[in-house]
């Protein structure tokens, strides 16, 4: 079955979809990576936040969120692909679609350090020293404003 793309603000999410997005995030970041932390940080509900996810047969297989940080900077976070869907290029598709939504403005993220090269392939550069977050090495990265090539990607809801 084809992969379908979706984008929504918190207000546009139904309860079941938000549950499924959180389940994937918690199963990966809290359980799989053994990092007990408060996954609900309040930023999901901010008016400027956009949730971007991919489904196959109605099942969430990949997700990220785009936050609106001060100064017109977009922040990409919670990038995750379900274990059964890994290796199929879905993280790359998510990033391409997210950057189309961000447009030409600056964008930042906090990469798990082993993924620096992946994000560099999407125009990000290391913007500061690495650090540990819940025992996992992370690296801050930034993508400066880019010219927009064509219209943003149209994502189905």
C-alpha atoms as a PDB file:
ATOM      1  CA  UNK A   1       0.000   0.000   0.000  1.00  0.00           C
ATOM      2  CA  UNK A   2       1.149   3.541  -0.629  1.00  0.00           C
ATOM      3  CA  UNK A   3       2.459   5.782   2.098  1.00  0.00           C
ATOM      4  CA  UNK A   4       0.196   8.761   2.807  1.00  0.00           C
ATOM      5  CA  UNK A   5       1.389  12.085   4.170  1.00  0.00           C
ATOM      6  CA  UNK A   6      -0.535  14.175   6.702  1.00  0.00           C
ATOM      7  CA  UNK A   7       0.002  17.539   8.359  1.00  0.00           C
ATOM      8  CA  UNK A   8      -2.077  19.219  11.058  1.00  0.00           C
ATOM      9  CA  UNK A   9      -2.028  21.635  13.932  1.00  0.00           C
ATOM     10  CA  UNK A  10      -2.964  20.266  17.346  1.00  0.00           C
ATOM     11  CA  UNK A  11      -6.468  21.714  17.012  1.00  0.00           C
ATOM     12  CA  UNK A  12      -6.935  19.760  13.772  1.00  0.00           C
ATOM     13  CA  UNK A  13      -5.901  16.396  15.271  1.00  0.00           C
ATOM     14  CA  UNK A  14      -8.566  13.975  16.407  1.00  0.00           C
ATOM     15  CA  UNK A  15      -8.014  12.112  19.664  1.00  0.00           C
ATOM     16  CA  UNK A  16      -7.221   8.769  17.993  1.00  0.00           C
ATOM     17  CA  UNK A  17      -4.576  10.280  15.714  1.00  0.00           C
ATOM     18  CA  UNK A  18      -2.901  12.147  18.572  1.00  0.00           C
ATOM     19  CA  UNK A  19      -2.919   8.931  20.615  1.00  0.00           C
ATOM     20  CA  UNK A  20      -1.238   7.036  17.751  1.00  0.00           C
ATOM     21  CA  UNK A  21       1.397   9.751  17.272  1.00  0.00           C
ATOM     22  CA  UNK A  22       2.208   9.787  20.987  1.00  0.00           C
ATOM     23  CA  UNK A  23       2.315   6.007  21.110  1.00  0.00           C
ATOM     24  CA  UNK A  24       4.991   5.903  18.396  1.00  0.00           C
ATOM     25  CA  UNK A  25       6.987   8.645  20.129  1.00  0.00           C
ATOM     26  CA  UNK A  26       6.774   7.008  23.565  1.00  0.00           C
ATOM     27  CA  UNK A  27       7.441   3.488  22.252  1.00  0.00           C
ATOM     28  CA  UNK A  28      10.617   4.775  20.600  1.00  0.00           C
ATOM     29  CA  UNK A  29      12.026   7.570  22.750  1.00  0.00           C
ATOM     30  CA  UNK A  30      10.964   6.367  26.192  1.00  0.00           C
ATOM     31  CA  UNK A  31      10.752   2.573  25.893  1.00  0.00           C
ATOM     32  CA  UNK A  32      13.121   1.533  23.064  1.00  0.00           C
ATOM     33  CA  UNK A  33      15.797   4.085  23.967  1.00  0.00           C
ATOM     34  CA  UNK A  34      15.288   3.573  27.725  1.00  0.00           C
ATOM     35  CA  UNK A  35      14.895   7.291  28.453  1.00  0.00           C
ATOM     36  CA  UNK A  36      12.186   7.946  30.997  1.00  0.00           C
ATOM     37  CA  UNK A  37      11.359  11.612  30.477  1.00  0.00           C
ATOM     38  CA  UNK A  38       8.165  13.680  30.279  1.00  0.00           C
ATOM     39  CA  UNK A  39       7.240  13.222  26.607  1.00  0.00           C
ATOM     40  CA  UNK A  40       4.391  15.711  26.889  1.00  0.00           C
ATOM     41  CA  UNK A  41       6.290  19.001  27.069  1.00  0.00           C
ATOM     42  CA  UNK A  42       3.431  21.363  26.221  1.00  0.00           C
ATOM     43  CA  UNK A  43       4.791  22.261  22.789  1.00  0.00           C
ATOM     44  CA  UNK A  44       2.475  19.931  20.852  1.00  0.00           C
ATOM     45  CA  UNK A  45      -0.480  22.215  21.566  1.00  0.00           C
ATOM     46  CA  UNK A  46       1.154  25.542  20.654  1.00  0.00           C
ATOM     47  CA  UNK A  47      -0.662  27.314  17.804  1.00  0.00           C
ATOM     48  CA  UNK A  48       2.481  27.408  15.611  1.00  0.00           C
ATOM     49  CA  UNK A  49       3.250  23.686  15.948  1.00  0.00           C
ATOM     50  CA  UNK A  50       2.686  21.468  12.923  1.00  0.00           C
ATOM     51  CA  UNK A  51       2.532  17.681  13.217  1.00  0.00           C
ATOM     52  CA  UNK A  52       3.705  15.812  10.125  1.00  0.00           C
ATOM     53  CA  UNK A  53       3.231  12.046   9.875  1.00  0.00           C
ATOM     54  CA  UNK A  54       3.150   9.217   7.388  1.00  0.00           C
ATOM     55  CA  UNK A  55       0.719   6.316   7.384  1.00  0.00           C
ATOM     56  CA  UNK A  56       0.492   2.985   5.618  1.00  0.00           C
ATOM     57  CA  UNK A  57      -2.951   1.361   5.633  1.00  0.00           C
ATOM     58  CA  UNK A  58      -4.024   3.929   8.229  1.00  0.00           C
ATOM     59  CA  UNK A  59      -1.195   3.013  10.633  1.00  0.00           C
ATOM     60  CA  UNK A  60       1.297   5.696  11.685  1.00  0.00           C
ATOM     61  CA  UNK A  61       4.765   4.661  10.459  1.00  0.00           C
ATOM     62  CA  UNK A  62       6.746   7.917  10.831  1.00  0.00           C
ATOM     63  CA  UNK A  63       6.381  11.302  12.520  1.00  0.00           C
ATOM     64  CA  UNK A  64       7.995  14.644  13.271  1.00  0.00           C
ATOM     65  CA  UNK A  65       6.844  17.979  14.577  1.00  0.00           C
ATOM     66  CA  UNK A  66       7.741  21.488  13.505  1.00  0.00           C
ATOM     67  CA  UNK A  67       7.764  24.097  16.250  1.00  0.00           C
ATOM     68  CA  UNK A  68       7.719  27.870  15.849  1.00  0.00           C
ATOM     69  CA  UNK A  69      10.623  29.172  17.932  1.00  0.00           C
ATOM     70  CA  UNK A  70      11.138  32.888  18.628  1.00  0.00           C
ATOM     71  CA  UNK A  71      12.611  35.043  15.873  1.00  0.00           C
ATOM     72  CA  UNK A  72      10.930  33.183  13.027  1.00  0.00           C
ATOM     73  CA  UNK A  73      13.061  30.063  13.460  1.00  0.00           C
ATOM     74  CA  UNK A  74      11.462  26.682  12.856  1.00  0.00           C
ATOM     75  CA  UNK A  75      12.496  23.774  15.081  1.00  0.00           C
ATOM     76  CA  UNK A  76      12.164  20.182  13.893  1.00  0.00           C
ATOM     77  CA  UNK A  77      11.937  17.548  16.571  1.00  0.00           C
ATOM     78  CA  UNK A  78      10.649  14.139  17.606  1.00  0.00           C
ATOM     79  CA  UNK A  79      11.718  12.620  14.275  1.00  0.00           C
ATOM     80  CA  UNK A  80      10.786   8.944  14.494  1.00  0.00           C
ATOM     81  CA  UNK A  81      10.149   5.955  12.231  1.00  0.00           C
ATOM     82  CA  UNK A  82       8.409   2.820  13.487  1.00  0.00           C
ATOM     83  CA  UNK A  83      10.796  -0.158  13.789  1.00  0.00           C
ATOM     84  CA  UNK A  84       8.952  -2.186  11.128  1.00  0.00           C
ATOM     85  CA  UNK A  85       9.201   0.709   8.649  1.00  0.00           C
ATOM     86  CA  UNK A  86      12.872   1.617   9.129  1.00  0.00           C
ATOM     87  CA  UNK A  87      15.243   1.434   6.174  1.00  0.00           C
ATOM     88  CA  UNK A  88      12.599   2.460   3.622  1.00  0.00           C
ATOM     89  CA  UNK A  89      13.625   6.123   3.351  1.00  0.00           C
ATOM     90  CA  UNK A  90      10.723   7.449   5.400  1.00  0.00           C
ATOM     91  CA  UNK A  91      12.842   9.729   7.592  1.00  0.00           C
ATOM     92  CA  UNK A  92      14.225  11.337   4.438  1.00  0.00           C
ATOM     93  CA  UNK A  93      10.725  11.794   3.052  1.00  0.00           C
ATOM     94  CA  UNK A  94       9.587  13.370   6.337  1.00  0.00           C
ATOM     95  CA  UNK A  95      12.514  15.785   6.312  1.00  0.00           C
ATOM     96  CA  UNK A  96      11.944  16.772   2.686  1.00  0.00           C
ATOM     97  CA  UNK A  97       8.272  17.452   3.365  1.00  0.00           C
ATOM     98  CA  UNK A  98       9.020  19.281   6.625  1.00  0.00           C
ATOM     99  CA  UNK A  99      11.549  21.564   4.954  1.00  0.00           C
ATOM    100  CA  UNK A 100       9.030  22.318   2.192  1.00  0.00           C
ATOM    101  CA  UNK A 101       6.579  23.363   4.928  1.00  0.00           C
ATOM    102  CA  UNK A 102       9.253  25.449   6.672  1.00  0.00           C
ATOM    103  CA  UNK A 103      10.010  27.216   3.404  1.00  0.00           C
ATOM    104  CA  UNK A 104      13.028  29.457   3.071  1.00  0.00           C
ATOM    105  CA  UNK A 105      13.440  30.446   6.713  1.00  0.00           C
ATOM    106  CA  UNK A 106      16.042  29.219   9.175  1.00  0.00           C
ATOM    107  CA  UNK A 107      15.496  25.882  10.878  1.00  0.00           C
ATOM    108  CA  UNK A 108      17.173  24.158  13.832  1.00  0.00           C
ATOM    109  CA  UNK A 109      17.144  20.718  15.387  1.00  0.00           C
ATOM    110  CA  UNK A 110      18.875  18.673  18.066  1.00  0.00           C
ATOM    111  CA  UNK A 111      20.197  15.602  16.244  1.00  0.00           C
ATOM    112  CA  UNK A 112      21.108  12.349  17.884  1.00  0.00           C
ATOM    113  CA  UNK A 113      24.813  12.538  17.088  1.00  0.00           C
ATOM    114  CA  UNK A 114      24.930   9.346  15.023  1.00  0.00           C
ATOM    115  CA  UNK A 115      22.482  11.052  12.620  1.00  0.00           C
ATOM    116  CA  UNK A 116      24.524  14.210  11.923  1.00  0.00           C
ATOM    117  CA  UNK A 117      25.392  13.056   8.381  1.00  0.00           C
ATOM    118  CA  UNK A 118      21.716  12.313   7.651  1.00  0.00           C
ATOM    119  CA  UNK A 119      20.685  15.840   8.632  1.00  0.00           C
ATOM    120  CA  UNK A 120      23.689  17.331   6.830  1.00  0.00           C
ATOM    121  CA  UNK A 121      22.242  15.751   3.692  1.00  0.00           C
ATOM    122  CA  UNK A 122      19.228  18.007   4.197  1.00  0.00           C
ATOM    123  CA  UNK A 123      21.296  21.182   4.463  1.00  0.00           C
ATOM    124  CA  UNK A 124      21.927  21.291   8.218  1.00  0.00           C
ATOM    125  CA  UNK A 125      25.319  22.097   9.728  1.00  0.00           C
ATOM    126  CA  UNK A 126      26.586  21.593  13.263  1.00  0.00           C
ATOM    127  CA  UNK A 127      25.887  24.774  15.227  1.00  0.00           C
ATOM    128  CA  UNK A 128      27.368  24.030  18.637  1.00  0.00           C
ATOM    129  CA  UNK A 129      29.099  21.494  20.841  1.00  0.00           C
ATOM    130  CA  UNK A 130      27.648  18.053  21.383  1.00  0.00           C
ATOM    131  CA  UNK A 131      25.981  17.172  24.678  1.00  0.00           C
ATOM    132  CA  UNK A 132      24.267  14.286  26.430  1.00  0.00           C
ATOM    133  CA  UNK A 133      20.482  14.247  26.696  1.00  0.00           C
ATOM    134  CA  UNK A 134      19.228  11.364  28.836  1.00  0.00           C
ATOM    135  CA  UNK A 135      22.538   9.599  28.195  1.00  0.00           C
ATOM    136  CA  UNK A 136      22.256   9.881  24.385  1.00  0.00           C
ATOM    137  CA  UNK A 137      24.800  12.062  22.527  1.00  0.00           C
ATOM    138  CA  UNK A 138      23.136  14.947  20.681  1.00  0.00           C
ATOM    139  CA  UNK A 139      24.439  17.660  18.373  1.00  0.00           C
ATOM    140  CA  UNK A 140      22.719  21.003  17.720  1.00  0.00           C
ATOM    141  CA  UNK A 141      22.297  21.715  14.010  1.00  0.00           C
ATOM    142  CA  UNK A 142      21.041  24.624  11.951  1.00  0.00           C
ATOM    143  CA  UNK A 143      19.922  25.186   8.390  1.00  0.00           C
ATOM    144  CA  UNK A 144      20.138  28.807   7.353  1.00  0.00           C
ATOM    145  CA  UNK A 145      17.462  30.385   5.216  1.00  0.00           C
ATOM    146  CA  UNK A 146      17.300  28.694   1.839  1.00  0.00           C
ATOM    147  CA  UNK A 147      15.761  29.838  -1.419  1.00  0.00           C
ATOM    148  CA  UNK A 148      12.523  27.987  -1.975  1.00  0.00           C
ATOM    149  CA  UNK A 149      12.464  25.875  -5.148  1.00  0.00           C
ATOM    150  CA  UNK A 150       8.857  25.838  -6.213  1.00  0.00           C
ATOM    151  CA  UNK A 151       5.710  25.663  -4.109  1.00  0.00           C
ATOM    152  CA  UNK A 152       5.556  23.833  -0.757  1.00  0.00           C
ATOM    153  CA  UNK A 153       4.645  20.173  -0.767  1.00  0.00           C
ATOM    154  CA  UNK A 154       0.899  19.654  -0.524  1.00  0.00           C
ATOM    155  CA  UNK A 155       0.288  17.237   2.327  1.00  0.00           C
ATOM    156  CA  UNK A 156      -3.005  15.395   2.691  1.00  0.00           C
ATOM    157  CA  UNK A 157      -4.710  15.468   6.037  1.00  0.00           C
END
